[in-house]
N, C-alpha and C. Protein backbone atom coordinates (compact mmCIF):
# COMPACT_ATOMS: atom_id res chain seq x y z
N MET A 1 -6.17 15.93 55.28
CA MET A 1 -5.90 17.93 55.10
C MET A 1 -7.44 18.00 55.09
N ILE A 2 -7.75 19.29 55.45
CA ILE A 2 -9.28 19.99 55.67
C ILE A 2 -8.87 21.20 54.68
N SER A 3 -9.98 20.48 53.82
CA SER A 3 -9.89 21.53 52.05
C SER A 3 -10.04 23.45 52.84
N ILE A 4 -9.64 24.29 52.12
CA ILE A 4 -9.96 25.56 52.21
C ILE A 4 -11.75 26.14 52.68
N SER A 5 -12.24 25.49 51.73
CA SER A 5 -13.44 25.69 51.47
C SER A 5 -14.01 25.40 53.11
N LYS A 6 -13.50 24.06 53.63
CA LYS A 6 -14.59 23.91 54.99
C LYS A 6 -13.85 24.51 55.73
N CYS A 7 -12.58 25.42 55.97
CA CYS A 7 -11.80 25.79 56.70
C CYS A 7 -12.70 26.94 56.84
N THR A 8 -12.92 27.70 55.36
CA THR A 8 -13.76 28.83 55.44
C THR A 8 -15.36 29.06 55.82
N GLN A 9 -15.71 28.06 55.68
CA GLN A 9 -16.87 27.52 56.18
C GLN A 9 -16.94 27.64 57.96
N ILE A 10 -16.31 26.90 58.38
CA ILE A 10 -15.91 26.90 59.77
C ILE A 10 -15.73 27.99 60.38
N LEU A 11 -14.91 28.83 60.06
CA LEU A 11 -14.47 29.76 60.73
C LEU A 11 -14.64 31.11 60.81
N ASN A 12 -15.69 30.91 59.47
CA ASN A 12 -16.18 32.34 59.31
C ASN A 12 -17.66 32.37 59.63
N LYS A 13 -18.16 31.12 60.75
CA LYS A 13 -19.64 31.49 61.41
C LYS A 13 -20.23 32.57 62.09
N LYS A 14 -20.81 32.89 62.22
CA LYS A 14 -21.43 34.12 62.90
C LYS A 14 -20.73 35.65 62.64
N GLY A 15 -20.19 35.67 62.15
CA GLY A 15 -20.89 37.29 61.70
C GLY A 15 -18.91 37.17 61.58
N LYS A 16 -18.74 36.31 61.53
CA LYS A 16 -17.11 36.60 61.29
C LYS A 16 -16.45 36.28 60.46
N LYS A 17 -15.43 37.82 59.89
CA LYS A 17 -14.62 37.22 58.64
C LYS A 17 -13.43 37.24 58.28
N TYR A 18 -12.52 36.27 57.97
CA TYR A 18 -11.29 35.77 57.55
C TYR A 18 -11.19 35.59 56.24
N THR A 19 -10.36 36.81 55.91
CA THR A 19 -9.39 36.93 54.39
C THR A 19 -8.57 35.23 54.29
N ASP A 20 -8.99 34.81 53.36
CA ASP A 20 -8.46 33.67 52.27
C ASP A 20 -6.75 33.17 52.70
N GLU A 21 -6.41 34.50 52.93
CA GLU A 21 -4.72 34.32 53.61
C GLU A 21 -4.72 33.53 55.04
N GLN A 22 -5.81 34.38 55.63
CA GLN A 22 -5.88 34.42 57.38
C GLN A 22 -6.24 33.19 57.11
N ILE A 23 -7.08 32.46 56.56
CA ILE A 23 -7.66 30.97 57.20
C ILE A 23 -6.76 30.36 56.28
N LYS A 24 -5.31 30.45 56.17
CA LYS A 24 -4.59 29.46 54.78
C LYS A 24 -3.57 29.88 56.63
N THR A 25 -3.35 30.38 56.54
CA THR A 25 -2.62 30.69 58.13
C THR A 25 -3.02 29.42 59.21
N ILE A 26 -3.96 29.94 59.34
CA ILE A 26 -4.53 29.60 60.44
C ILE A 26 -4.74 28.25 60.70
N ARG A 27 -5.38 27.68 59.48
CA ARG A 27 -4.88 26.37 59.37
C ARG A 27 -3.49 24.82 58.76
N GLU A 28 -2.28 26.36 58.39
CA GLU A 28 -1.13 25.17 58.60
C GLU A 28 -0.99 25.45 60.04
N PHE A 29 -1.19 26.44 60.73
CA PHE A 29 -0.59 26.96 62.42
C PHE A 29 -1.53 25.54 63.09
N LEU A 30 -2.54 25.74 63.01
CA LEU A 30 -3.59 23.81 63.67
C LEU A 30 -2.85 22.41 62.83
N MET A 31 -2.78 22.66 61.60
CA MET A 31 -2.04 21.40 61.36
C MET A 31 -0.45 21.59 61.35
N PHE A 32 0.65 21.91 61.69
CA PHE A 32 1.68 22.01 62.95
C PHE A 32 1.09 21.99 64.34
N LEU A 33 0.65 22.21 64.85
CA LEU A 33 0.28 21.62 66.18
C LEU A 33 -0.01 20.02 66.25
N ALA A 34 -1.29 19.87 65.68
CA ALA A 34 -1.67 18.90 64.97
C ALA A 34 -0.47 18.01 65.30
N GLN A 35 0.51 18.11 64.42
CA GLN A 35 1.68 16.88 63.71
C GLN A 35 2.70 17.38 65.28
N ILE A 36 2.57 18.20 66.18
CA ILE A 36 3.43 18.53 67.10
C ILE A 36 2.79 17.42 68.09
N GLU A 37 1.38 17.28 68.35
CA GLU A 37 0.78 15.98 69.04
C GLU A 37 0.82 15.07 68.27
N TYR A 38 0.92 14.39 67.07
CA TYR A 38 1.43 13.08 66.82
C TYR A 38 2.45 12.97 67.16
N GLU A 39 3.39 13.67 67.35
CA GLU A 39 4.63 13.46 66.73
C GLU A 39 5.07 12.83 68.60
N LEU A 40 4.62 13.46 69.69
CA LEU A 40 4.65 13.29 71.10
C LEU A 40 4.19 12.32 71.53
N ASN A 41 2.91 11.92 70.82
CA ASN A 41 1.72 10.44 71.45
C ASN A 41 2.17 9.24 70.70
N LYS A 42 3.11 9.55 69.20
CA LYS A 42 3.61 8.80 69.03
C LYS A 42 5.21 7.78 69.99
N LYS A 43 6.13 9.18 70.43
CA LYS A 43 6.52 8.28 71.35
C LYS A 43 6.54 7.69 72.60
């Protein structure tokens, strides 16, 4: 799993500013999508 600090570094590029809560939500959502993709490819 990517750390919050690495997510902040990636997401806050180009002048965009996300709060820690927004970053956590985005990370959780992307992890959820990755889990779905993993499960589909496993079958």
